[in-house]
Amino acid sequence: MEDKWRLVAITAVAPIAWGATYVVTRHLLPPDAPLWGAALRALPAGLLLWAIARRRPRGSWWWRAPVLGLLNFGAFFVLVYLAAQLLPSSIAASIMALAPLALAGIAWPLLSQRPTARWAAGAVLGIAGVLLVVGLGARAVSPAGVVASVIALLASSLGAILTTRWRDDSPLLATTSWQLIAGGIALVVAAAIVEGPPPRVDAIGVAAYAGIAVVATALAFVCWFTGLRHLPAGTVGIIGLLNPVTGVVLGVLVGGESLAPLQALGIALVLVSLVVARSRVTPTSPRRASSSPPQPSAERAGDERSLAARERDAP
């Protein structure tokens, strides 16, 4: 049980770190260069992990890494940027809160992970909690923004599931670095075309970019993919709901924002959803004990061969 909750804690590092980027970006980084912000976040993180792993792609990873890099980082960051420009933040966050459903829906056919009733209850509580946290405004909603946000959700969910499905004996640090580098290169190209030269920042901005690249990207995605390797995808999606919750909490503690009673209730619902969905979860990674069931059949086969040999030798 302690190992299971340790995996939850490791996975939770990712959405908590992502939630912290809202405050850092709002107060320390230029607001008019989101694509460069994403590129300077992904590419340095990938190069850092590659320097640690010191492994080049091999075999099918030469095409898998670019595909996953575009899904998990390149296309995802661009689409999230478009959604942020077209939608109120509450609506965009509410759509992304459907991640548990998207991850579980894609994991069912691709990973044979069938959602349970407890997971469904946790997902409902978690999504309801996020809706209370971000609120739902009455402003007009752009259909194009909704489409961009939904595609971003599906792209990141598909990328996460394929990352799990395509795993092999390659080190996690290496596969994560390959994805970040591929996605970062795509983001650099998109940023240069759309936003022009990189923005100029002071020493504090450089430190903020470095912190986001190291903590909120390199470390966060290693923790995220670790969770996807060992926990059901739907459960990882529910853990991801800590992202908007962290953003709101840090906005209150650091940014001087206020916390409404309904938002506090929403935060409580998200925390309860983690307990409900996590109460009966079996890790997806193979256990050592799983190799024991075939042993009796092998012993029986050996006994049968010995019996056949004795019968042949009998006069």
Protein backbone atom coordinates (compact mmCIF):
# COMPACT_ATOMS: atom_id res chain seq x y z
CA MET A 1 0.00 0.00 0.00
CA GLU A 2 2.86 2.39 0.81
CA ASP A 3 4.38 1.74 -2.62
CA LYS A 4 1.07 2.64 -4.27
CA TRP A 5 0.79 5.94 -2.45
CA ARG A 6 4.45 6.64 -3.18
CA LEU A 7 3.65 6.32 -6.88
CA VAL A 8 0.73 8.70 -6.44
CA ALA A 9 3.02 11.19 -4.68
CA ILE A 10 5.63 10.94 -7.45
CA THR A 11 3.00 11.42 -10.15
CA ALA A 12 1.48 14.37 -8.27
CA VAL A 13 4.77 16.26 -8.60
CA ALA A 14 3.90 16.87 -12.26
CA PRO A 15 0.51 18.62 -12.00
CA ILE A 16 1.64 20.55 -8.91
CA ALA A 17 4.70 21.82 -10.79
CA TRP A 18 2.55 22.67 -13.81
CA GLY A 19 0.11 24.54 -11.61
CA ALA A 20 2.98 26.58 -10.17
CA THR A 21 3.95 27.77 -13.65
CA TYR A 22 0.81 29.92 -13.80
CA VAL A 23 2.08 32.21 -11.04
CA VAL A 24 5.67 32.23 -12.34
CA THR A 25 4.57 32.98 -15.90
CA ARG A 26 2.14 35.71 -14.86
CA HIS A 27 4.56 37.59 -12.62
CA LEU A 28 8.04 36.90 -14.01
CA LEU A 29 7.82 36.17 -17.75
CA PRO A 30 6.77 38.30 -20.75
CA PRO A 31 3.06 37.77 -21.55
CA ASP A 32 3.35 38.32 -25.31
CA ALA A 33 5.58 35.33 -26.22
CA PRO A 34 3.82 32.13 -25.12
CA LEU A 35 5.22 30.02 -27.96
CA TRP A 36 8.77 31.04 -27.17
CA GLY A 37 7.99 30.37 -23.54
CA ALA A 38 6.93 26.83 -24.43
CA ALA A 39 9.96 26.32 -26.70
CA LEU A 40 12.39 27.60 -24.06
CA ARG A 41 10.69 25.26 -21.64
CA ALA A 42 10.74 22.06 -23.70
CA LEU A 43 14.03 22.15 -25.59
CA PRO A 44 16.39 22.95 -22.66
CA ALA A 45 14.58 20.37 -20.53
CA GLY A 46 15.08 17.75 -23.23
CA LEU A 47 18.76 18.60 -23.63
CA LEU A 48 19.25 18.42 -19.85
CA LEU A 49 17.68 14.96 -19.61
CA TRP A 50 19.62 13.80 -22.67
CA ALA A 51 22.88 14.95 -21.05
CA ILE A 52 21.99 12.85 -18.00
CA ALA A 53 20.76 9.78 -19.90
CA ARG A 54 23.44 9.99 -22.62
CA ARG A 55 21.47 7.69 -24.91
CA ARG A 56 20.56 8.26 -28.55
CA PRO A 57 17.35 6.87 -30.04
CA ARG A 58 17.57 3.46 -31.60
CA GLY A 59 15.31 1.43 -33.84
CA SER A 60 11.69 2.56 -33.88
CA TRP A 61 12.40 5.39 -31.45
CA TRP A 62 13.72 7.46 -34.35
CA TRP A 63 10.10 7.91 -35.50
CA ARG A 64 8.31 7.32 -32.21
CA ALA A 65 10.07 10.18 -30.43
CA PRO A 66 8.98 12.83 -32.98
CA VAL A 67 5.41 11.53 -32.94
CA LEU A 68 5.22 11.60 -29.14
CA GLY A 69 7.07 14.90 -29.01
CA LEU A 70 4.47 16.53 -31.26
CA LEU A 71 1.54 15.02 -29.35
CA ASN A 72 2.82 15.62 -25.82
CA PHE A 73 4.57 18.95 -26.36
CA GLY A 74 4.60 20.53 -29.83
CA ALA A 75 0.97 20.39 -30.93
CA PHE A 76 -0.28 20.41 -27.36
CA PHE A 77 1.45 23.67 -26.36
CA VAL A 78 0.42 25.41 -29.59
CA LEU A 79 -3.22 24.35 -29.25
CA VAL A 80 -3.32 25.34 -25.58
CA TYR A 81 -1.95 28.74 -26.58
CA LEU A 82 -4.72 29.14 -29.18
CA ALA A 83 -7.36 28.05 -26.68
CA ALA A 84 -6.05 30.55 -24.11
CA GLN A 85 -6.38 33.33 -26.69
CA LEU A 86 -9.94 32.38 -27.68
CA LEU A 87 -11.52 31.14 -24.45
CA PRO A 88 -11.97 32.39 -20.90
CA SER A 89 -9.47 30.64 -18.67
CA SER A 90 -12.30 29.02 -16.69
CA ILE A 91 -13.76 27.39 -19.81
CA ALA A 92 -10.35 26.23 -21.06
CA ALA A 93 -9.48 24.75 -17.67
CA SER A 94 -12.89 23.06 -17.46
CA ILE A 95 -12.36 21.34 -20.82
CA MET A 96 -8.87 20.18 -19.81
CA ALA A 97 -10.41 18.84 -16.59
CA LEU A 98 -11.94 16.11 -18.75
CA ALA A 99 -8.45 14.54 -18.96
CA PRO A 100 -9.38 11.59 -16.69
CA LEU A 101 -12.19 10.62 -19.07
CA ALA A 102 -10.00 11.08 -22.16
CA LEU A 103 -7.10 9.08 -20.71
CA ALA A 104 -9.34 6.28 -19.49
CA GLY A 105 -11.26 6.17 -22.77
CA ILE A 106 -8.09 5.84 -24.86
CA ALA A 107 -6.40 3.46 -22.42
CA TRP A 108 -9.33 1.01 -22.56
CA PRO A 109 -8.76 -0.15 -26.18
CA LEU A 110 -5.00 0.51 -26.36
CA LEU A 111 -3.87 -0.71 -22.92
CA SER A 112 -6.81 -2.94 -21.93
CA GLN A 113 -7.33 -0.86 -18.78
CA ARG A 114 -11.03 -1.04 -18.03
CA PRO A 115 -12.35 1.74 -15.74
CA THR A 116 -13.86 0.66 -12.43
CA ALA A 117 -16.88 2.01 -10.58
CA ARG A 118 -14.63 3.51 -7.91
CA TRP A 119 -12.58 5.28 -10.55
CA ALA A 120 -15.79 6.66 -12.13
CA ALA A 121 -16.92 8.00 -8.76
CA GLY A 122 -13.53 9.62 -8.22
CA ALA A 123 -13.58 11.14 -11.71
CA VAL A 124 -17.02 12.67 -11.17
CA LEU A 125 -15.94 14.17 -7.83
CA GLY A 126 -12.69 15.47 -9.30
CA ILE A 127 -14.25 17.07 -12.37
CA ALA A 128 -16.99 18.65 -10.23
CA GLY A 129 -14.29 19.98 -7.92
CA VAL A 130 -12.34 21.56 -10.79
CA LEU A 131 -15.52 23.21 -12.10
CA LEU A 132 -16.04 24.78 -8.69
CA VAL A 133 -12.39 25.85 -8.48
CA VAL A 134 -12.20 27.60 -11.86
CA GLY A 135 -15.84 28.69 -12.02
CA LEU A 136 -17.95 29.01 -15.15
CA GLY A 137 -18.39 32.50 -16.54
CA ALA A 138 -21.32 33.73 -18.57
CA ARG A 139 -19.25 35.17 -21.41
CA ALA A 140 -19.67 33.99 -24.99
CA VAL A 141 -17.68 30.91 -25.90
CA SER A 142 -15.70 30.70 -29.15
CA PRO A 143 -16.36 27.45 -31.05
CA ALA A 144 -12.83 27.60 -32.50
CA GLY A 145 -11.42 27.88 -28.99
CA VAL A 146 -13.44 24.89 -27.84
CA VAL A 147 -12.21 22.85 -30.82
CA ALA A 148 -8.58 23.83 -30.14
CA SER A 149 -8.92 22.94 -26.47
CA VAL A 150 -10.57 19.57 -27.18
CA ILE A 151 -7.93 18.65 -29.77
CA ALA A 152 -5.20 19.63 -27.29
CA LEU A 153 -6.82 17.39 -24.69
CA LEU A 154 -7.06 14.45 -27.08
CA ALA A 155 -3.53 14.96 -28.43
CA SER A 156 -1.95 14.98 -24.98
CA SER A 157 -4.05 12.02 -23.84
CA LEU A 158 -3.17 9.99 -26.92
CA GLY A 159 0.49 10.92 -26.50
CA ALA A 160 0.44 9.80 -22.87
CA ILE A 161 -1.16 6.46 -23.72
CA LEU A 162 1.19 5.80 -26.65
CA THR A 163 4.13 6.63 -24.39
CA THR A 164 2.98 3.80 -22.15
CA ARG A 165 2.12 1.41 -24.98
CA TRP A 166 5.46 1.89 -26.74
CA ARG A 167 7.63 1.55 -23.65
CA ASP A 168 10.50 -0.92 -23.81
CA ASP A 169 13.81 -1.40 -22.04
CA SER A 170 14.94 2.13 -22.97
CA PRO A 171 15.54 4.29 -19.87
CA LEU A 172 12.70 6.63 -18.97
CA LEU A 173 15.05 9.62 -18.85
CA ALA A 174 16.19 8.89 -22.39
CA THR A 175 12.72 8.45 -23.93
CA THR A 176 11.48 11.59 -22.17
CA SER A 177 14.47 13.58 -23.43
CA TRP A 178 13.91 12.44 -27.02
CA GLN A 179 10.28 13.55 -26.89
CA LEU A 180 11.13 16.93 -25.36
CA ILE A 181 13.85 17.61 -27.91
CA ALA A 182 11.59 16.70 -30.84
CA GLY A 183 8.70 18.75 -29.48
CA GLY A 184 11.02 21.61 -28.55
CA ILE A 185 12.41 21.83 -32.08
CA ALA A 186 8.86 22.00 -33.47
CA LEU A 187 8.02 24.75 -30.97
CA VAL A 188 11.12 26.77 -31.90
CA VAL A 189 10.03 26.69 -35.54
CA ALA A 190 6.45 27.69 -34.67
CA ALA A 191 7.63 30.46 -32.34
CA ALA A 192 10.04 31.91 -34.91
CA ILE A 193 7.28 32.00 -37.54
CA VAL A 194 4.49 33.38 -35.33
CA GLU A 195 6.31 35.54 -32.77
CA GLY A 196 9.61 36.43 -34.41
CA PRO A 197 12.86 36.64 -32.42
CA PRO A 198 13.02 35.33 -28.84
CA PRO A 199 11.95 37.81 -26.14
CA ARG A 200 14.53 39.69 -24.11
CA VAL A 201 14.36 39.03 -20.39
CA ASP A 202 16.34 40.15 -17.36
CA ALA A 203 18.21 37.92 -14.91
CA ILE A 204 15.00 37.15 -13.02
CA GLY A 205 13.33 36.08 -16.27
CA VAL A 206 16.26 33.81 -17.12
CA ALA A 207 16.01 32.22 -13.68
CA ALA A 208 12.24 31.77 -14.16
CA TYR A 209 12.71 30.11 -17.55
CA ALA A 210 15.39 27.84 -16.05
CA GLY A 211 13.16 26.87 -13.14
CA ILE A 212 10.25 26.05 -15.43
CA ALA A 213 12.49 24.02 -17.74
CA VAL A 214 14.15 22.04 -14.95
CA VAL A 215 11.32 21.59 -12.43
CA ALA A 216 8.04 22.06 -14.32
CA THR A 217 9.19 20.25 -17.45
CA ALA A 218 12.17 17.90 -17.05
CA LEU A 219 11.35 16.69 -13.53
CA ALA A 220 7.59 16.98 -13.96
CA PHE A 221 7.35 14.89 -17.13
CA VAL A 222 9.67 12.21 -15.77
CA CYS A 223 7.32 11.93 -12.78
CA TRP A 224 4.27 12.00 -15.07
CA PHE A 225 5.55 9.23 -17.33
CA THR A 226 6.61 7.24 -14.26
CA GLY A 227 3.00 7.35 -13.08
CA LEU A 228 1.76 6.27 -16.50
CA ARG A 229 4.12 3.28 -16.41
CA HIS A 230 2.87 1.99 -13.08
CA LEU A 231 -0.67 3.32 -12.54
CA PRO A 232 -3.86 3.06 -14.62
CA ALA A 233 -4.13 5.97 -17.03
CA GLY A 234 -7.50 7.07 -15.64
CA THR A 235 -6.02 7.37 -12.16
CA VAL A 236 -3.13 9.44 -13.51
CA GLY A 237 -5.70 11.71 -15.15
CA ILE A 238 -7.44 12.28 -11.83
CA ILE A 239 -4.09 13.11 -10.21
CA GLY A 240 -3.63 15.65 -13.00
CA LEU A 241 -6.59 17.61 -11.62
CA LEU A 242 -4.17 18.97 -9.02
CA ASN A 243 -2.90 21.26 -11.80
CA PRO A 244 -5.67 23.93 -11.69
CA VAL A 245 -6.04 23.47 -7.93
CA THR A 246 -2.35 24.32 -7.43
CA GLY A 247 -2.69 27.35 -9.68
CA VAL A 248 -5.59 28.71 -7.64
CA VAL A 249 -3.95 27.99 -4.27
CA LEU A 250 -0.66 29.65 -5.26
CA GLY A 251 -2.60 32.57 -6.70
CA VAL A 252 -4.08 33.08 -3.24
CA LEU A 253 -0.83 32.55 -1.32
CA VAL A 254 1.55 34.39 -3.65
CA GLY A 255 -0.52 36.55 -5.95
CA GLY A 256 -2.85 37.98 -3.33
CA GLU A 257 -5.97 36.58 -4.99
CA SER A 258 -9.08 35.69 -3.00
CA LEU A 259 -10.51 32.21 -2.47
CA ALA A 260 -14.28 31.88 -2.58
CA PRO A 261 -16.07 29.30 -0.41
CA LEU A 262 -17.13 27.31 -3.48
CA GLN A 263 -13.50 27.18 -4.62
CA ALA A 264 -12.47 25.81 -1.24
CA LEU A 265 -15.19 23.17 -1.57
CA GLY A 266 -13.91 22.33 -5.05
CA ILE A 267 -10.36 21.84 -3.76
CA ALA A 268 -11.71 19.50 -1.09
CA LEU A 269 -13.63 17.51 -3.72
CA VAL A 270 -10.50 17.09 -5.84
CA LEU A 271 -8.55 15.78 -2.84
CA VAL A 272 -11.38 13.40 -1.95
CA SER A 273 -11.48 12.17 -5.56
CA LEU A 274 -7.82 11.08 -5.27
CA VAL A 275 -8.65 8.94 -2.24
CA VAL A 276 -11.77 7.45 -3.84
CA ALA A 277 -10.12 6.63 -7.16
CA ARG A 278 -6.96 5.40 -5.47
CA SER A 279 -8.62 3.11 -2.92
CA ARG A 280 -8.65 0.05 -5.16
CA VAL A 281 -6.06 0.54 -7.87
CA THR A 282 -3.71 -2.14 -9.13
CA PRO A 283 -0.43 -0.96 -10.68
CA THR A 284 -0.10 -1.80 -14.36
CA SER A 285 3.57 -2.77 -14.17
CA PRO A 286 4.24 -6.49 -13.95
CA ARG A 287 4.99 -7.79 -10.50
CA ARG A 288 7.40 -10.52 -9.62
CA ALA A 289 4.56 -12.50 -8.14
CA SER A 290 2.85 -12.53 -11.51
CA SER A 291 5.49 -14.91 -12.82
CA SER A 292 4.61 -17.58 -10.26
CA PRO A 293 1.31 -18.91 -11.71
CA PRO A 294 2.91 -20.54 -14.79
CA GLN A 295 5.32 -22.50 -12.56
CA PRO A 296 2.89 -25.30 -11.54
CA SER A 297 2.05 -25.99 -15.18
CA ALA A 298 5.77 -26.26 -15.99
CA GLU A 299 6.23 -28.66 -13.11
CA ARG A 300 3.31 -30.75 -14.33
CA ALA A 301 4.82 -30.80 -17.82
CA GLY A 302 8.10 -32.03 -16.37
CA ASP A 303 6.31 -34.73 -14.40
CA GLU A 304 4.47 -35.86 -17.53
CA ARG A 305 7.73 -36.07 -19.52
CA SER A 306 9.35 -38.11 -16.72
CA LEU A 307 6.37 -40.46 -16.63
CA ALA A 308 6.50 -40.92 -20.41
CA ALA A 309 10.23 -41.70 -20.23
CA ARG A 310 9.66 -44.32 -17.52
CA GLU A 311 6.93 -45.93 -19.60
CA ARG A 312 9.26 -46.12 -22.63
CA ASP A 313 12.02 -47.71 -20.53
CA ALA A 314 9.67 -50.21 -18.95
CA PRO A 315 10.05 -53.86 -20.25
